[in-house]
Amino acid sequence: MHQDVEVLQIALKFAMQISRESKSFPMEARYPLKDRVCRPSRSVCANLVEGFRKEREDRLLPFTLI
């Protein structure tokens, strides 16, 4: 299962931490800043899951490179 992949667990924890921290942003800047910070962190998790679902390991590599 993709839940067993250590890098995905780390990415999910990081995304949750980013979401928690974004609640402390100033009210007037909360939406634009939160959107710019939280969306990419969720995207990382989604890309890892998508890459893991591919049957061949060599297809996972492009999803894990930064």
PDB file of N, CA and C in Angstrom:
ATOM      1  N   MET A   1       0.838  -1.195   0.000  1.00  0.00           N
ATOM      2  CA  MET A   1       0.000   0.000   0.000  1.00  0.00           C
ATOM      3  C   MET A   1       0.876   1.250   0.000  1.00  0.00           C
ATOM      4  N   HIS A   2       0.334   2.320  -0.601  1.00  0.00           N
ATOM      5  CA  HIS A   2       1.107   3.551  -0.658  1.00  0.00           C
ATOM      6  C   HIS A   2       1.265   4.189   0.725  1.00  0.00           C
ATOM      7  N   GLN A   3       0.433   3.812   1.703  1.00  0.00           N
ATOM      8  CA  GLN A   3       0.559   4.362   3.052  1.00  0.00           C
ATOM      9  C   GLN A   3       1.841   3.889   3.739  1.00  0.00           C
ATOM     10  N   ASP A   4       2.436   2.803   3.232  1.00  0.00           N
ATOM     11  CA  ASP A   4       3.636   2.245   3.833  1.00  0.00           C
ATOM     12  C   ASP A   4       4.914   2.922   3.360  1.00  0.00           C
ATOM     13  N   VAL A   5       4.833   3.779   2.375  1.00  0.00           N
ATOM     14  CA  VAL A   5       6.009   4.445   1.834  1.00  0.00           C
ATOM     15  C   VAL A   5       6.431   5.552   2.808  1.00  0.00           C
ATOM     16  N   GLU A   6       7.669   5.457   3.289  1.00  0.00           N
ATOM     17  CA  GLU A   6       8.142   6.390   4.314  1.00  0.00           C
ATOM     18  C   GLU A   6       8.136   7.848   3.838  1.00  0.00           C
ATOM     19  N   VAL A   7       8.532   8.075   2.605  1.00  0.00           N
ATOM     20  CA  VAL A   7       8.574   9.450   2.113  1.00  0.00           C
ATOM     21  C   VAL A   7       7.172  10.048   2.054  1.00  0.00           C
ATOM     22  N   LEU A   8       6.162   9.252   1.784  1.00  0.00           N
ATOM     23  CA  LEU A   8       4.782   9.750   1.774  1.00  0.00           C
ATOM     24  C   LEU A   8       4.344  10.116   3.190  1.00  0.00           C
ATOM     25  N   GLN A   9       4.710   9.306   4.168  1.00  0.00           N
ATOM     26  CA  GLN A   9       4.364   9.615   5.553  1.00  0.00           C
ATOM     27  C   GLN A   9       4.991  10.931   5.992  1.00  0.00           C
ATOM     28  N   ILE A  10       6.243  11.147   5.594  1.00  0.00           N
ATOM     29  CA  ILE A  10       6.929  12.396   5.927  1.00  0.00           C
ATOM     30  C   ILE A  10       6.245  13.569   5.237  1.00  0.00           C
ATOM     31  N   ALA A  11       5.901  13.409   3.963  1.00  0.00           N
ATOM     32  CA  ALA A  11       5.243  14.481   3.213  1.00  0.00           C
ATOM     33  C   ALA A  11       3.881  14.820   3.821  1.00  0.00           C
ATOM     34  N   LEU A  12       3.125  13.810   4.245  1.00  0.00           N
ATOM     35  CA  LEU A  12       1.819  14.059   4.859  1.00  0.00           C
ATOM     36  C   LEU A  12       1.958  14.805   6.181  1.00  0.00           C
ATOM     37  N   LYS A  13       2.934  14.403   6.994  1.00  0.00           N
ATOM     38  CA  LYS A  13       3.162  15.103   8.260  1.00  0.00           C
ATOM     39  C   LYS A  13       3.556  16.551   8.005  1.00  0.00           C
ATOM     40  N   PHE A  14       4.400  16.773   7.013  1.00  0.00           N
ATOM     41  CA  PHE A  14       4.833  18.114   6.670  1.00  0.00           C
ATOM     42  C   PHE A  14       3.654  18.954   6.178  1.00  0.00           C
ATOM     43  N   ALA A  15       2.789  18.374   5.342  1.00  0.00           N
ATOM     44  CA  ALA A  15       1.621  19.095   4.839  1.00  0.00           C
ATOM     45  C   ALA A  15       0.676  19.466   5.983  1.00  0.00           C
ATOM     46  N   MET A  16       0.496  18.562   6.938  1.00  0.00           N
ATOM     47  CA  MET A  16      -0.366  18.865   8.080  1.00  0.00           C
ATOM     48  C   MET A  16       0.240  19.969   8.944  1.00  0.00           C
ATOM     49  N   GLN A  17       1.563  19.935   9.114  1.00  0.00           N
ATOM     50  CA  GLN A  17       2.234  20.974   9.896  1.00  0.00           C
ATOM     51  C   GLN A  17       2.103  22.336   9.196  1.00  0.00           C
ATOM     52  N   ILE A  18       2.267  22.347   7.890  1.00  0.00           N
ATOM     53  CA  ILE A  18       2.113  23.587   7.130  1.00  0.00           C
ATOM     54  C   ILE A  18       0.691  24.134   7.294  1.00  0.00           C
ATOM     55  N   SER A  19      -0.286  23.259   7.230  1.00  0.00           N
ATOM     56  CA  SER A  19      -1.678  23.688   7.386  1.00  0.00           C
ATOM     57  C   SER A  19      -1.912  24.289   8.773  1.00  0.00           C
ATOM     58  N   ARG A  20      -1.370  23.643   9.798  1.00  0.00           N
ATOM     59  CA  ARG A  20      -1.519  24.172  11.166  1.00  0.00           C
ATOM     60  C   ARG A  20      -0.842  25.537  11.306  1.00  0.00           C
ATOM     61  N   GLU A  21       0.367  25.636  10.791  1.00  0.00           N
ATOM     62  CA  GLU A  21       1.123  26.890  10.903  1.00  0.00           C
ATOM     63  C   GLU A  21       0.455  28.018  10.121  1.00  0.00           C
ATOM     64  N   SER A  22      -0.185  27.690   9.018  1.00  0.00           N
ATOM     65  CA  SER A  22      -0.797  28.727   8.193  1.00  0.00           C
ATOM     66  C   SER A  22      -1.970  29.405   8.899  1.00  0.00           C
ATOM     67  N   LYS A  23      -2.497  28.788   9.923  1.00  0.00           N
ATOM     68  CA  LYS A  23      -3.597  29.398  10.675  1.00  0.00           C
ATOM     69  C   LYS A  23      -3.124  30.616  11.466  1.00  0.00           C
ATOM     70  N   SER A  24      -1.816  30.743  11.651  1.00  0.00           N
ATOM     71  CA  SER A  24      -1.286  31.889  12.394  1.00  0.00           C
ATOM     72  C   SER A  24      -0.959  33.072  11.476  1.00  0.00           C
ATOM     73  N   PHE A  25      -1.194  32.936  10.175  1.00  0.00           N
ATOM     74  CA  PHE A  25      -0.950  34.032   9.249  1.00  0.00           C
ATOM     75  C   PHE A  25      -1.885  35.189   9.590  1.00  0.00           C
ATOM     76  N   PRO A  26      -1.459  36.422   9.327  1.00  0.00           N
ATOM     77  CA  PRO A  26      -2.355  37.567   9.560  1.00  0.00           C
ATOM     78  C   PRO A  26      -3.637  37.422   8.723  1.00  0.00           C
ATOM     79  N   MET A  27      -4.746  37.863   9.270  1.00  0.00           N
ATOM     80  CA  MET A  27      -6.043  37.674   8.626  1.00  0.00           C
ATOM     81  C   MET A  27      -6.082  38.233   7.208  1.00  0.00           C
ATOM     82  N   GLU A  28      -5.523  39.423   6.999  1.00  0.00           N
ATOM     83  CA  GLU A  28      -5.595  40.043   5.673  1.00  0.00           C
ATOM     84  C   GLU A  28      -4.754  39.313   4.637  1.00  0.00           C
ATOM     85  N   ALA A  29      -3.783  38.534   5.080  1.00  0.00           N
ATOM     86  CA  ALA A  29      -2.915  37.808   4.140  1.00  0.00           C
ATOM     87  C   ALA A  29      -3.173  36.307   4.168  1.00  0.00           C
ATOM     88  N   ARG A  30      -4.121  35.895   4.956  1.00  0.00           N
ATOM     89  CA  ARG A  30      -4.316  34.458   5.158  1.00  0.00           C
ATOM     90  C   ARG A  30      -4.649  33.720   3.860  1.00  0.00           C
ATOM     91  N   TYR A  31      -5.611  34.207   3.096  1.00  0.00           N
ATOM     92  CA  TYR A  31      -6.005  33.471   1.890  1.00  0.00           C
ATOM     93  C   TYR A  31      -4.874  33.370   0.866  1.00  0.00           C
ATOM     94  N   PRO A  32      -4.270  34.490   0.444  1.00  0.00           N
ATOM     95  CA  PRO A  32      -3.226  34.350  -0.599  1.00  0.00           C
ATOM     96  C   PRO A  32      -2.009  33.565  -0.118  1.00  0.00           C
ATOM     97  N   LEU A  33      -1.598  33.771   1.117  1.00  0.00           N
ATOM     98  CA  LEU A  33      -0.430  33.043   1.615  1.00  0.00           C
ATOM     99  C   LEU A  33      -0.742  31.569   1.827  1.00  0.00           C
ATOM    100  N   LYS A  34      -1.873  31.306   2.445  1.00  0.00           N
ATOM    101  CA  LYS A  34      -2.240  29.916   2.725  1.00  0.00           C
ATOM    102  C   LYS A  34      -2.384  29.124   1.432  1.00  0.00           C
ATOM    103  N   ASP A  35      -3.003  29.753   0.444  1.00  0.00           N
ATOM    104  CA  ASP A  35      -3.184  29.083  -0.838  1.00  0.00           C
ATOM    105  C   ASP A  35      -1.839  28.757  -1.483  1.00  0.00           C
ATOM    106  N   ARG A  36      -0.904  29.679  -1.396  1.00  0.00           N
ATOM    107  CA  ARG A  36       0.408  29.475  -2.021  1.00  0.00           C
ATOM    108  C   ARG A  36       1.283  28.485  -1.273  1.00  0.00           C
ATOM    109  N   VAL A  37       1.011  28.265  -0.011  1.00  0.00           N
ATOM    110  CA  VAL A  37       1.838  27.363   0.782  1.00  0.00           C
ATOM    111  C   VAL A  37       1.202  25.980   0.910  1.00  0.00           C
ATOM    112  N   CYS A  38      -0.084  25.931   1.147  1.00  0.00           N
ATOM    113  CA  CYS A  38      -0.743  24.645   1.401  1.00  0.00           C
ATOM    114  C   CYS A  38      -0.970  23.826   0.136  1.00  0.00           C
ATOM    115  N   ARG A  39      -1.357  24.480  -0.940  1.00  0.00           N
ATOM    116  CA  ARG A  39      -1.641  23.728  -2.164  1.00  0.00           C
ATOM    117  C   ARG A  39      -0.427  22.937  -2.660  1.00  0.00           C
ATOM    118  N   PRO A  40       0.762  23.532  -2.714  1.00  0.00           N
ATOM    119  CA  PRO A  40       1.918  22.734  -3.164  1.00  0.00           C
ATOM    120  C   PRO A  40       2.243  21.573  -2.230  1.00  0.00           C
ATOM    121  N   SER A  41       2.046  21.750  -0.930  1.00  0.00           N
ATOM    122  CA  SER A  41       2.352  20.643  -0.016  1.00  0.00           C
ATOM    123  C   SER A  41       1.392  19.478  -0.233  1.00  0.00           C
ATOM    124  N   ARG A  42       0.132  19.781  -0.550  1.00  0.00           N
ATOM    125  CA  ARG A  42      -0.820  18.705  -0.860  1.00  0.00           C
ATOM    126  C   ARG A  42      -0.485  18.068  -2.207  1.00  0.00           C
ATOM    127  N   SER A  43       0.000  18.871  -3.112  1.00  0.00           N
ATOM    128  CA  SER A  43       0.367  18.367  -4.437  1.00  0.00           C
ATOM    129  C   SER A  43       1.502  17.355  -4.361  1.00  0.00           C
ATOM    130  N   VAL A  44       2.458  17.603  -3.477  1.00  0.00           N
ATOM    131  CA  VAL A  44       3.566  16.661  -3.297  1.00  0.00           C
ATOM    132  C   VAL A  44       3.014  15.300  -2.886  1.00  0.00           C
ATOM    133  N   CYS A  45       2.109  15.288  -1.929  1.00  0.00           N
ATOM    134  CA  CYS A  45       1.519  14.030  -1.464  1.00  0.00           C
ATOM    135  C   CYS A  45       0.758  13.340  -2.595  1.00  0.00           C
ATOM    136  N   ALA A  46      -0.016  14.101  -3.334  1.00  0.00           N
ATOM    137  CA  ALA A  46      -0.801  13.522  -4.431  1.00  0.00           C
ATOM    138  C   ALA A  46       0.116  12.939  -5.505  1.00  0.00           C
ATOM    139  N   ASN A  47       1.198  13.635  -5.813  1.00  0.00           N
ATOM    140  CA  ASN A  47       2.130  13.130  -6.826  1.00  0.00           C
ATOM    141  C   ASN A  47       2.820  11.852  -6.367  1.00  0.00           C
ATOM    142  N   LEU A  48       3.151  11.776  -5.092  1.00  0.00           N
ATOM    143  CA  LEU A  48       3.775  10.555  -4.577  1.00  0.00           C
ATOM    144  C   LEU A  48       2.812   9.374  -4.667  1.00  0.00           C
ATOM    145  N   VAL A  49       1.555   9.594  -4.294  1.00  0.00           N
ATOM    146  CA  VAL A  49       0.561   8.517  -4.371  1.00  0.00           C
ATOM    147  C   VAL A  49       0.367   8.097  -5.826  1.00  0.00           C
ATOM    148  N   GLU A  50       0.257   9.064  -6.712  1.00  0.00           N
ATOM    149  CA  GLU A  50       0.075   8.745  -8.126  1.00  0.00           C
ATOM    150  C   GLU A  50       1.262   7.951  -8.665  1.00  0.00           C
ATOM    151  N   GLY A  51       2.456   8.384  -8.303  1.00  0.00           N
ATOM    152  CA  GLY A  51       3.652   7.666  -8.751  1.00  0.00           C
ATOM    153  C   GLY A  51       3.728   6.268  -8.186  1.00  0.00           C
ATOM    154  N   PHE A  52       3.305   6.106  -6.934  1.00  0.00           N
ATOM    155  CA  PHE A  52       3.349   4.785  -6.315  1.00  0.00           C
ATOM    156  C   PHE A  52       2.357   3.834  -6.973  1.00  0.00           C
ATOM    157  N   ARG A  53       1.256   4.380  -7.425  1.00  0.00           N
ATOM    158  CA  ARG A  53       0.242   3.530  -8.056  1.00  0.00           C
ATOM    159  C   ARG A  53       0.706   2.955  -9.386  1.00  0.00           C
ATOM    160  N   LYS A  54       1.676   3.585  -9.979  1.00  0.00           N
ATOM    161  CA  LYS A  54       2.204   3.048 -11.234  1.00  0.00           C
ATOM    162  C   LYS A  54       2.832   1.691 -10.930  1.00  0.00           C
ATOM    163  N   GLU A  55       2.648   0.763 -11.807  1.00  0.00           N
ATOM    164  CA  GLU A  55       3.086  -0.604 -11.532  1.00  0.00           C
ATOM    165  C   GLU A  55       4.590  -0.773 -11.562  1.00  0.00           C
ATOM    166  N   ARG A  56       5.261   0.009 -12.353  1.00  0.00           N
ATOM    167  CA  ARG A  56       6.707  -0.161 -12.478  1.00  0.00           C
ATOM    168  C   ARG A  56       7.435   0.891 -11.661  1.00  0.00           C
ATOM    169  N   GLU A  57       8.476   0.472 -10.964  1.00  0.00           N
ATOM    170  CA  GLU A  57       9.221   1.383 -10.098  1.00  0.00           C
ATOM    171  C   GLU A  57       9.903   2.505 -10.864  1.00  0.00           C
ATOM    172  N   ASP A  58      10.322   2.258 -12.079  1.00  0.00           N
ATOM    173  CA  ASP A  58      11.008   3.308 -12.834  1.00  0.00           C
ATOM    174  C   ASP A  58      10.065   4.449 -13.185  1.00  0.00           C
ATOM    175  N   ARG A  59       8.769   4.234 -13.085  1.00  0.00           N
ATOM    176  CA  ARG A  59       7.813   5.308 -13.325  1.00  0.00           C
ATOM    177  C   ARG A  59       7.629   6.158 -12.082  1.00  0.00           C
ATOM    178  N   LEU A  60       8.065   5.685 -10.907  1.00  0.00           N
ATOM    179  CA  LEU A  60       7.957   6.445  -9.665  1.00  0.00           C
ATOM    180  C   LEU A  60       9.005   7.555  -9.613  1.00  0.00           C
ATOM    181  N   LEU A  61      10.135   7.332 -10.228  1.00  0.00           N
ATOM    182  CA  LEU A  61      11.248   8.272 -10.137  1.00  0.00           C
ATOM    183  C   LEU A  61      10.901   9.708 -10.522  1.00  0.00           C
ATOM    184  N   PRO A  62      10.222   9.974 -11.640  1.00  0.00           N
ATOM    185  CA  PRO A  62       9.925  11.375 -11.981  1.00  0.00           C
ATOM    186  C   PRO A  62       9.051  12.089 -10.954  1.00  0.00           C
ATOM    187  N   PHE A  63       8.268  11.354 -10.185  1.00  0.00           N
ATOM    188  CA  PHE A  63       7.399  11.964  -9.201  1.00  0.00           C
ATOM    189  C   PHE A  63       8.135  12.286  -7.913  1.00  0.00           C
ATOM    190  N   THR A  64       9.325  11.736  -7.724  1.00  0.00           N
ATOM    191  CA  THR A  64      10.053  11.937  -6.481  1.00  0.00           C
ATOM    192  C   THR A  64      11.228  12.881  -6.616  1.00  0.00           C
ATOM    193  N   LEU A  65      11.575  13.264  -7.828  1.00  0.00           N
ATOM    194  CA  LEU A  65      12.697  14.178  -8.027  1.00  0.00           C
ATOM    195  C   LEU A  65      12.225  15.622  -7.890  1.00  0.00           C
ATOM    196  N   ILE A  66      13.058  16.423  -7.280  1.00  0.00           N
ATOM    197  CA  ILE A  66      12.729  17.846  -7.114  1.00  0.00           C
ATOM    198  C   ILE A  66      13.636  18.652  -8.011  1.00  0.00           C
TER     199      ILE A  66
END
